[in-house]
Protein backbone atom coordinates (compact mmCIF):
# COMPACT_ATOMS: atom_id res chain seq x y z
CA MET A 1 8.22 -42.55 11.13
CA VAL A 2 7.90 -40.12 8.26
CA ALA A 3 4.28 -39.62 8.83
CA TYR A 4 4.56 -38.79 12.58
CA ALA A 5 7.45 -36.65 11.67
CA LEU A 6 5.49 -34.65 9.19
CA ILE A 7 2.46 -34.30 11.61
CA ALA A 8 4.90 -32.76 14.11
CA LEU A 9 6.16 -30.52 11.43
CA PHE A 10 2.67 -29.40 10.26
CA VAL A 11 1.94 -28.45 13.88
CA LEU A 12 5.17 -26.68 14.53
CA LEU A 13 5.63 -24.53 11.37
CA PRO A 14 3.11 -21.98 12.25
CA LEU A 15 4.21 -21.70 16.01
CA VAL A 16 7.96 -21.43 15.57
CA ARG A 17 9.13 -17.75 15.29
CA VAL A 18 11.96 -16.36 13.32
CA GLY A 19 12.75 -12.49 13.73
CA GLY A 20 9.54 -12.19 15.76
CA VAL A 21 7.25 -13.60 13.20
CA PRO A 22 5.91 -17.07 12.64
CA LEU A 23 7.93 -19.30 10.38
CA VAL A 24 4.81 -19.76 7.94
CA LEU A 25 2.00 -17.22 8.25
CA LEU A 26 -0.27 -16.43 5.34
CA ASP A 27 -1.90 -13.20 6.71
CA ILE A 28 -4.46 -12.74 3.87
CA PRO A 29 -6.44 -9.89 5.49
CA ALA A 30 -3.26 -7.87 6.01
CA ARG A 31 -1.95 -9.10 2.59
CA ARG A 32 1.40 -10.33 4.05
CA PHE A 33 2.92 -13.64 3.90
CA HIS A 34 5.69 -14.73 6.04
CA ILE A 35 7.56 -17.70 4.87
CA PHE A 36 10.73 -19.10 6.49
CA GLY A 37 11.94 -15.68 7.72
CA GLN A 38 11.08 -13.70 4.55
CA THR A 39 8.16 -11.47 4.15
CA PHE A 40 6.40 -11.26 0.78
CA LEU A 41 3.86 -8.58 -0.29
CA PRO A 42 1.26 -8.46 -2.94
CA THR A 43 3.68 -6.24 -4.85
CA ASP A 44 6.10 -9.22 -5.11
CA THR A 45 4.40 -10.50 -8.26
CA LEU A 46 7.63 -11.69 -9.90
CA LEU A 47 8.76 -13.53 -6.77
CA LEU A 48 5.35 -15.16 -6.58
CA ALA A 49 5.45 -16.25 -10.16
CA LEU A 50 8.85 -17.72 -9.81
CA LEU A 51 7.79 -19.47 -6.60
CA VAL A 52 4.67 -20.89 -8.15
CA VAL A 53 6.43 -21.98 -11.23
CA MET A 54 9.40 -23.87 -9.17
CA VAL A 55 6.64 -25.70 -7.06
CA PHE A 56 4.92 -26.89 -10.18
CA LEU A 57 8.25 -27.91 -11.88
CA THR A 58 9.39 -29.73 -8.86
CA VAL A 59 6.07 -31.69 -8.65
CA PHE A 60 6.54 -32.66 -12.22
CA TRP A 61 10.05 -33.61 -11.67
CA LEU A 62 9.34 -35.61 -8.54
CA THR A 63 6.44 -37.19 -10.51
CA ALA A 64 8.61 -38.15 -13.43
CA LEU A 65 11.07 -39.91 -10.91
CA PHE A 66 8.81 -41.49 -8.22
CA GLY A 67 5.22 -41.19 -9.43
CA ARG A 68 2.72 -39.75 -6.74
CA VAL A 69 5.23 -39.84 -3.98
CA TRP A 70 3.76 -36.51 -2.60
CA CYS A 71 0.27 -37.88 -2.42
CA GLY A 72 1.47 -41.22 -0.55
CA TRP A 73 4.06 -39.93 1.74
CA ALA A 74 3.56 -36.15 2.39
CA CYS A 75 0.12 -34.90 1.61
CA PRO A 76 -1.68 -33.91 4.86
CA GLN A 77 -4.69 -35.64 3.68
CA THR A 78 -3.11 -39.02 3.37
CA VAL A 79 -0.81 -38.40 6.49
CA TYR A 80 -3.79 -37.43 8.81
CA MET A 81 -6.22 -40.02 7.47
CA GLU A 82 -3.84 -43.11 7.47
CA PHE A 83 -1.87 -42.34 10.61
CA LEU A 84 -4.36 -40.61 12.90
CA PHE A 85 -7.91 -41.05 12.12
CA ARG A 86 -7.99 -44.71 10.59
CA PRO A 87 -5.83 -46.00 13.45
CA LEU A 88 -8.37 -44.42 15.80
CA GLU A 89 -11.21 -46.16 13.96
CA ARG A 90 -9.61 -49.47 14.21
CA PHE A 91 -8.97 -49.14 17.86
CA PHE A 92 -12.73 -48.16 18.61
CA GLU A 93 -14.47 -50.38 15.97
CA GLY A 94 -11.93 -52.93 14.97
CA ALA A 95 -10.46 -53.67 11.40
CA PRO A 96 -12.79 -54.12 8.62
CA GLY A 97 -13.60 -57.84 7.93
CA ARG A 98 -12.34 -58.73 11.35
CA LYS A 99 -14.05 -60.01 14.46
CA PRO A 100 -14.26 -57.13 17.18
CA LYS A 101 -12.02 -57.64 20.07
CA GLY A 102 -12.06 -55.91 23.54
CA TRP A 103 -14.80 -54.55 25.44
CA ILE A 104 -14.64 -51.15 23.64
CA GLN A 105 -15.40 -52.88 20.27
CA THR A 106 -17.82 -55.50 21.60
CA SER A 107 -19.84 -53.28 23.87
CA GLY A 108 -21.25 -50.82 21.38
CA ILE A 109 -19.55 -47.80 23.13
CA GLY A 110 -16.86 -47.71 20.37
CA LYS A 111 -18.87 -45.69 17.83
CA PRO A 112 -19.82 -42.91 20.12
CA LEU A 113 -16.25 -42.75 21.62
CA LYS A 114 -14.97 -42.58 17.87
CA PHE A 115 -17.19 -39.65 17.13
CA VAL A 116 -15.96 -37.81 20.28
CA THR A 117 -12.37 -38.40 19.43
CA TYR A 118 -12.90 -37.51 15.93
CA LEU A 119 -14.57 -34.23 16.95
CA THR A 120 -11.69 -33.38 19.41
CA CYS A 121 -9.08 -34.26 16.68
CA SER A 122 -10.94 -32.04 14.21
CA LEU A 123 -11.05 -29.18 16.45
CA VAL A 124 -7.26 -29.34 17.27
CA LEU A 125 -6.59 -29.79 13.44
CA ALA A 126 -8.87 -26.75 12.64
CA HIS A 127 -6.92 -24.56 15.11
CA VAL A 128 -3.43 -25.97 13.46
CA PHE A 129 -4.88 -25.12 10.10
CA LEU A 130 -6.10 -21.63 10.87
CA ALA A 131 -2.74 -20.84 12.61
CA TYR A 132 -1.34 -20.87 8.93
CA PHE A 133 -3.72 -17.86 8.26
CA VAL A 134 -4.24 -16.08 11.64
CA SER A 135 -1.45 -14.97 13.97
CA TRP A 136 -1.17 -17.39 16.78
CA ASP A 137 -1.82 -14.52 19.39
CA LEU A 138 -5.24 -13.71 17.91
CA LEU A 139 -6.04 -17.46 17.59
CA ARG A 140 -5.32 -17.68 21.32
CA GLN A 141 -7.64 -14.99 21.93
CA TRP A 142 -10.32 -16.84 20.03
CA VAL A 143 -9.74 -19.89 22.06
CA ILE A 144 -9.67 -18.43 25.65
CA GLY A 145 -12.18 -15.63 25.02
CA ALA A 146 -15.96 -15.87 25.05
CA PRO A 147 -17.54 -16.63 21.63
CA SER A 148 -19.72 -13.48 22.09
CA GLU A 149 -16.56 -11.26 22.17
CA HIS A 150 -15.47 -12.46 18.66
CA PRO A 151 -18.47 -14.09 16.81
CA LEU A 152 -16.81 -13.88 13.55
CA GLY A 153 -13.65 -15.83 14.83
CA PHE A 154 -15.73 -18.38 16.71
CA GLY A 155 -17.93 -18.92 13.44
CA VAL A 156 -14.58 -19.51 11.27
CA VAL A 157 -13.36 -22.00 13.92
CA MET A 158 -16.62 -23.96 13.95
CA LEU A 159 -16.86 -23.92 10.13
CA VAL A 160 -13.33 -25.27 9.73
CA THR A 161 -13.97 -27.94 12.46
CA ALA A 162 -16.99 -29.13 10.69
CA GLY A 163 -15.19 -29.36 7.38
CA MET A 164 -12.40 -31.44 9.04
CA LEU A 165 -14.88 -33.74 10.79
CA PHE A 166 -16.78 -34.20 7.47
CA ASN A 167 -13.62 -34.67 5.54
CA PHE A 168 -11.89 -37.31 7.67
CA GLY A 169 -15.06 -38.89 9.08
CA TYR A 170 -17.08 -39.24 5.88
CA PHE A 171 -15.49 -38.11 2.65
CA ARG A 172 -12.11 -39.26 3.06
CA GLU A 173 -10.50 -41.00 -0.15
CA GLN A 174 -13.06 -39.03 -2.12
CA VAL A 175 -10.84 -36.13 -1.77
CA CYS A 176 -8.24 -37.85 -3.71
CA LEU A 177 -10.66 -39.41 -6.22
CA VAL A 178 -13.04 -36.60 -6.80
CA ALA A 179 -11.63 -33.16 -5.44
CA CYS A 180 -7.84 -33.34 -6.05
CA PRO A 181 -7.03 -33.04 -9.88
CA TYR A 182 -3.53 -34.45 -9.37
CA GLY A 183 -4.41 -38.05 -10.26
CA ARG A 184 -5.95 -37.14 -13.55
CA PHE A 185 -3.07 -35.42 -15.02
CA GLN A 186 -0.20 -37.60 -13.53
CA SER A 187 -0.30 -39.64 -16.67
CA VAL A 188 1.21 -37.09 -18.82
CA MET A 189 4.25 -36.60 -16.15
CA LEU A 190 4.96 -40.33 -16.00
CA ASP A 191 7.00 -42.43 -18.55
CA ARG A 192 8.12 -46.01 -18.86
CA HIS A 193 10.94 -45.39 -16.36
CA SER A 194 9.03 -43.58 -13.47
CA ILE A 195 9.21 -45.46 -10.18
CA THR A 196 5.62 -46.44 -9.10
CA VAL A 197 3.86 -49.15 -7.27
CA ARG A 198 3.65 -52.23 -9.46
CA TYR A 199 2.59 -55.77 -9.44
CA ASP A 200 4.90 -58.19 -10.97
CA ARG A 201 2.48 -60.04 -13.29
CA ALA A 202 5.20 -62.36 -14.69
CA ARG A 203 5.75 -63.76 -11.28
CA GLY A 204 2.37 -63.71 -9.82
CA GLU A 205 0.30 -65.18 -12.60
CA PRO A 206 -1.56 -67.55 -12.91
CA ARG A 207 -2.95 -66.73 -9.40
CA THR A 208 -3.65 -69.74 -7.21
CA ALA A 209 -4.14 -70.69 -3.56
CA LYS A 210 -1.99 -73.73 -4.08
CA ARG A 211 1.82 -73.92 -3.79
CA ALA A 212 3.97 -72.70 -6.65
CA ASP A 213 5.43 -76.10 -7.29
CA VAL A 214 2.08 -77.59 -8.23
CA GLN A 215 1.70 -77.98 -12.04
CA LEU A 216 -1.59 -76.48 -13.48
CA PRO A 217 -3.00 -77.37 -16.89
CA VAL A 218 -3.19 -74.30 -19.09
CA VAL A 219 -4.58 -74.86 -22.63
CA GLY A 220 -2.95 -78.27 -22.96
CA VAL A 221 0.34 -77.44 -21.64
CA GLU A 222 1.95 -77.61 -18.05
CA ALA A 223 2.57 -74.23 -16.35
CA ALA A 224 3.73 -73.46 -12.78
CA ALA A 225 1.35 -71.62 -10.36
CA GLY A 226 2.11 -67.97 -9.74
CA ASP A 227 3.16 -66.63 -6.34
CA CYS A 228 -0.12 -64.62 -6.04
CA ILE A 229 -2.47 -66.61 -3.76
CA ASP A 230 -5.36 -64.28 -4.49
CA CYS A 231 -5.74 -63.42 -0.90
CA ARG A 232 -6.79 -59.88 -1.81
CA MET A 233 -5.09 -58.22 1.08
CA CYS A 234 -3.63 -55.68 -1.36
CA VAL A 235 -7.24 -54.73 -2.15
CA THR A 236 -8.47 -54.75 1.47
CA THR A 237 -5.63 -52.32 2.65
CA CYS A 238 -5.74 -50.03 -0.35
CA PRO A 239 -7.21 -46.57 0.83
CA THR A 240 -8.82 -46.07 -2.33
CA GLY A 241 -10.04 -49.59 -2.96
CA ILE A 242 -8.31 -50.45 -6.10
CA ASP A 243 -6.59 -53.78 -7.40
CA ILE A 244 -3.21 -52.96 -7.98
CA ARG A 245 -2.76 -56.15 -9.93
CA ASN A 246 -4.87 -54.59 -12.70
CA GLY A 247 -1.96 -52.20 -13.27
CA LEU A 248 -1.37 -48.60 -12.38
CA GLN A 249 -4.50 -46.68 -12.06
CA MET A 250 -5.66 -42.80 -11.45
CA GLU A 251 -6.98 -43.74 -7.96
CA CYS A 252 -3.42 -45.10 -6.91
CA VAL A 253 -1.79 -42.52 -4.48
CA GLY A 254 1.51 -44.48 -4.16
CA CYS A 255 1.17 -45.05 -0.30
CA ALA A 256 2.62 -48.60 -0.58
CA GLN A 257 0.30 -50.25 1.79
CA CYS A 258 -0.36 -52.90 -0.67
CA ILE A 259 3.34 -53.80 -0.71
CA ASP A 260 3.36 -54.11 3.14
CA ALA A 261 0.36 -56.42 3.06
CA CYS A 262 1.72 -58.49 0.24
CA ASP A 263 5.06 -58.87 1.77
CA THR A 264 3.61 -59.98 5.07
CA VAL A 265 1.51 -62.57 3.06
CA MET A 266 4.55 -63.82 1.16
CA SER A 267 6.59 -64.13 4.23
CA LYS A 268 3.76 -66.29 5.88
CA VAL A 269 3.63 -68.62 2.78
CA LYS A 270 7.39 -68.72 2.55
CA ARG A 271 7.79 -67.11 -0.86
CA PRO A 272 9.85 -64.25 -1.60
CA THR A 273 8.78 -60.80 -0.99
CA GLY A 274 8.49 -58.15 -3.56
CA LEU A 275 5.58 -59.53 -5.59
CA ILE A 276 4.26 -55.79 -5.20
CA ARG A 277 7.15 -53.40 -5.10
CA TYR A 278 8.34 -50.09 -6.17
CA SER A 279 9.52 -50.44 -9.78
CA SER A 280 9.07 -49.02 -13.22
CA LEU A 281 7.10 -50.37 -16.21
CA ALA A 282 10.26 -50.69 -18.23
CA ALA A 283 11.90 -52.87 -15.57
CA MET A 284 8.81 -54.98 -15.20
CA SER A 285 8.92 -55.53 -19.05
CA GLY A 286 12.52 -56.68 -18.99
CA GLU A 287 13.92 -53.29 -20.37
CA ARG A 288 17.01 -51.63 -19.02
CA PHE A 289 16.00 -48.99 -16.36
CA ARG A 290 17.35 -45.62 -17.38
CA VAL A 291 17.63 -42.83 -14.66
CA LEU A 292 18.84 -40.06 -16.89
CA ARG A 293 16.00 -39.25 -19.34
CA PRO A 294 15.36 -35.86 -21.14
CA ARG A 295 12.60 -34.80 -18.74
CA VAL A 296 14.54 -35.79 -15.72
CA VAL A 297 17.43 -33.63 -16.67
CA LEU A 298 15.66 -30.55 -18.04
CA TYR A 299 13.36 -30.04 -14.93
CA PRO A 300 16.01 -29.70 -12.50
CA VAL A 301 18.02 -27.33 -14.84
CA VAL A 302 15.06 -25.04 -15.31
CA ILE A 303 14.39 -25.19 -11.56
CA LEU A 304 17.96 -24.38 -10.83
CA LEU A 305 17.93 -21.32 -13.08
CA LEU A 306 14.63 -20.06 -11.66
CA SER A 307 16.03 -20.53 -8.16
CA GLY A 308 18.93 -18.39 -9.07
CA LEU A 309 16.75 -15.62 -10.38
CA PHE A 310 14.51 -15.98 -7.25
CA ALA A 311 17.51 -15.61 -4.87
CA PHE A 312 18.73 -12.66 -6.94
CA THR A 313 15.36 -10.87 -6.98
CA LEU A 314 14.92 -11.68 -3.18
CA ALA A 315 18.43 -10.34 -2.26
CA ASN A 316 17.64 -7.12 -4.03
CA THR A 317 14.32 -6.61 -2.32
CA GLY A 318 15.77 -4.99 0.74
CA VAL A 319 13.91 -3.88 3.95
CA ALA A 320 11.47 -1.50 2.08
CA ASP A 321 9.94 -0.77 -1.18
CA VAL A 322 10.37 2.62 -2.61
CA THR A 323 8.14 4.19 -5.30
CA VAL A 324 8.26 7.79 -6.44
CA LEU A 325 4.96 9.11 -7.71
CA ARG A 326 3.69 12.33 -9.30
CA GLY A 327 1.47 14.49 -7.22
CA PRO A 328 -2.19 15.41 -8.28
CA GLY A 329 -2.84 18.58 -9.98
CA GLN A 330 -0.29 20.71 -12.15
CA PRO A 331 3.01 18.99 -12.86
CA PHE A 332 5.14 21.88 -11.56
CA THR A 333 4.80 25.37 -10.06
CA VAL A 334 7.09 28.33 -10.43
CA MET A 335 7.64 29.87 -6.94
CA PRO A 336 8.11 33.54 -6.24
CA SER A 337 11.81 32.86 -5.74
CA GLY A 338 12.24 31.60 -9.19
CA ASP A 339 12.63 27.93 -8.31
CA VAL A 340 10.59 25.40 -9.86
CA GLU A 341 8.65 23.00 -7.50
CA ASN A 342 7.64 19.44 -8.47
CA ASN A 343 4.91 18.07 -6.00
CA LEU A 344 5.94 14.36 -5.86
CA ARG A 345 4.86 11.54 -3.52
CA LEU A 346 6.97 8.98 -1.89
CA LYS A 347 5.57 5.54 -1.22
CA LEU A 348 7.42 3.54 1.51
CA VAL A 349 6.71 -0.04 2.51
CA ASN A 350 8.37 -1.19 5.55
CA ARG A 351 9.01 -4.90 5.18
CA THR A 352 10.48 -5.41 8.56
CA THR A 353 8.90 -5.93 11.97
CA LYS A 354 10.32 -2.89 13.59
CA ILE A 355 9.76 0.97 13.29
CA ALA A 356 12.12 2.19 10.54
CA ASP A 357 13.39 5.79 9.89
CA PHE A 358 14.24 6.50 6.30
CA GLU A 359 16.51 9.38 5.26
CA VAL A 360 15.41 11.04 1.96
CA LYS A 361 17.63 13.09 -0.30
CA VAL A 362 17.60 14.27 -3.90
CA GLU A 363 20.47 14.52 -6.20
CA GLY A 364 21.30 14.99 -9.90
CA VAL A 365 21.62 18.90 -10.32
CA ASP A 366 23.33 21.70 -8.38
CA GLY A 367 20.81 23.64 -6.10
CA VAL A 368 18.23 20.93 -5.94
CA ARG A 369 16.61 20.46 -2.36
CA LEU A 370 13.61 19.29 -0.57
CA GLY A 371 10.81 21.37 0.50
CA ALA A 372 10.03 18.94 3.37
CA GLU A 373 11.62 17.23 6.13
CA GLY A 374 14.23 14.53 4.89
CA VAL A 375 13.38 11.80 7.40
CA VAL A 376 10.29 9.69 7.18
CA ARG A 377 9.23 7.17 9.88
CA VAL A 378 7.33 3.94 8.88
CA ASP A 379 5.75 1.67 11.27
CA PRO A 380 6.23 -2.25 10.95
CA GLY A 381 4.60 -3.52 7.89
CA GLN A 382 3.09 -0.22 7.22
CA THR A 383 2.54 1.41 3.78
CA LEU A 384 3.01 5.09 3.98
CA THR A 385 2.68 7.62 1.23
CA SER A 386 4.29 10.95 2.08
CA PRO A 387 4.39 14.47 0.26
CA LEU A 388 7.90 15.01 -1.49
CA PRO A 389 8.07 18.51 -2.85
CA VAL A 390 11.31 19.06 -4.80
CA LEU A 391 12.54 22.46 -5.71
CA LEU A 392 15.08 22.89 -8.74
CA PRO A 393 16.60 26.15 -10.13
CA ARG A 394 14.76 27.13 -13.30
CA SER A 395 18.06 27.27 -15.20
CA ALA A 396 18.44 23.37 -14.54
CA PHE A 397 15.89 22.43 -16.94
CA GLU A 398 16.58 21.40 -20.70
CA HIS A 399 13.54 21.60 -22.85
CA GLY A 400 11.34 21.48 -19.85
CA ARG A 401 12.86 18.26 -18.23
CA LYS A 402 15.59 17.55 -15.85
CA GLN A 403 16.42 13.80 -14.46
CA ILE A 404 17.03 13.77 -10.77
CA ARG A 405 17.59 10.88 -8.32
CA ILE A 406 15.60 10.37 -5.04
CA VAL A 407 17.99 8.66 -2.68
CA VAL A 408 16.27 6.76 0.30
CA ARG A 409 18.56 5.26 3.02
CA GLY A 410 17.34 3.10 5.91
CA PRO A 411 18.25 0.59 8.50
CA GLU A 412 20.48 -2.35 7.96
CA GLY A 413 22.44 -0.48 5.36
CA PHE A 414 19.40 -0.08 3.00
CA GLU A 415 19.86 2.38 0.22
CA ARG A 416 17.70 2.80 -2.91
CA ARG A 417 18.21 5.19 -5.71
CA VAL A 418 15.18 6.03 -7.84
CA ALA A 419 15.49 7.95 -11.14
CA HIS A 420 12.94 10.47 -11.78
CA VAL A 421 12.27 13.11 -14.54
CA ALA A 422 11.36 16.47 -13.08
CA LEU A 423 9.27 18.87 -15.07
CA GLY A 424 9.55 22.55 -15.62
CA PRO A 425 9.12 25.56 -17.98
CA SER A 426 10.57 24.97 -21.34
CA GLU A 427 12.53 27.56 -23.72
CA HIS A 428 9.36 27.95 -25.73
CA SER A 429 7.10 28.89 -23.00
CA ASP A 430 9.92 31.29 -21.77
CA HIS A 431 10.04 32.96 -25.20
CA ARG A 432 6.31 33.18 -25.16
CA ASN A 433 6.12 34.87 -21.96
CA LYS A 434 8.76 37.44 -23.04
CA GLU A 435 6.82 38.25 -26.19
CA GLU A 436 3.68 38.76 -24.10
CA HIS A 437 5.35 41.19 -21.96
CA ARG A 438 6.38 43.39 -24.95
CA LYS A 439 2.93 43.78 -26.16
CA ASP A 440 0.82 46.86 -25.46
CA PRO A 441 -1.08 46.76 -22.27
CA GLY A 442 -4.41 47.44 -24.17
CA GLU A 443 -3.45 44.92 -26.91
CA SER A 444 -2.76 42.28 -24.02
CA GLY A 445 -6.11 43.06 -22.48
CA GLU A 446 -7.74 42.68 -26.00
CA GLU A 447 -5.96 39.45 -26.53
CA GLU A 448 -7.03 38.19 -23.03
CA HIS A 449 -10.56 39.25 -23.73
CA LYS A 450 -10.60 37.32 -27.00
């Protein structure tokens, strides 16, 4: 039930739209990432850093509690492999180690049919995967249009389809064993109280195919046979082919298929289920199980603090990014009217999906004004850099500097005030200019020549 619900979720996430944009769209060429109704830009480095740290800490926390619960229950590799491709393989070719049944499995047509079905599923999954990175409208054009009209898109679809077919048809568990690094560093995240898939050695050993009430000689003493009948069903059903009876291993993804297989066998031989079950090393050793441990408490506390900081930063992002830059060339110009012009630039990033008009004003000193139109229109998702000449009275400057405020107002009550230091002539430069005017014209010419 969990697996098929997740398959439906994986398919629907890039198709459902919120505010006119997909619920999840990682538009790498446009450098815009739409996640659950929020739009993130490459400039959102703080938000990205907080999000990455929270994801990693959440993985550490869940691993400390439940082991590799992500790998066994939610990872797309496991979900699609165990609940789509492997059932198809058993339908067309039969279960491993069992006699083929039905005309499809016995007639030899099962293998070609399996390949065709695998290819079809891989093609569909490739489009689902690409829908996370390419807008659905563009992807639909790739599907219905001729390959010659979009050779690059057609090549990407074919490449991803081939990768899916290779992965689920051949590489399979090697993704978990070789490509994924998670299993290699899980040992540093687990402790004796982490819940993982465990074999009850005290109850299962010694293994025997006989009944548990038969007495077996062990080094001169009498010992009851264990409940494990050594049927090896736990090994046969394990996707990675390990023997869980040898203890927790790096290859174990926590999928619990060995638990289902063992419980089925225990029910058939009329013995209690749970010989293989979710438990902790401490509980298996007879120790008292502790839920509250330092790492289990510290992880959620840090995650909660980071979540608050993330929410605060996101709430103050607004519908636009505003940056005031100095223009190229000289920092200021003294106009014939006596005013001082600072040639600034206003960089606006429209984070919404609609055309937005932004009203620009300047404050901070009497007589300050803009030398250009005070309304800037920015298209959806556009980054626009607009000239922003600011005129100030010459008398407003103190030591050649004056702090002003650029006020930008936009839709949805957006308002951003950016402090900026305007530059102008200093008292020293004024005094020097007066001294030059007092000089003899010939002397001035001589100085200029020198």
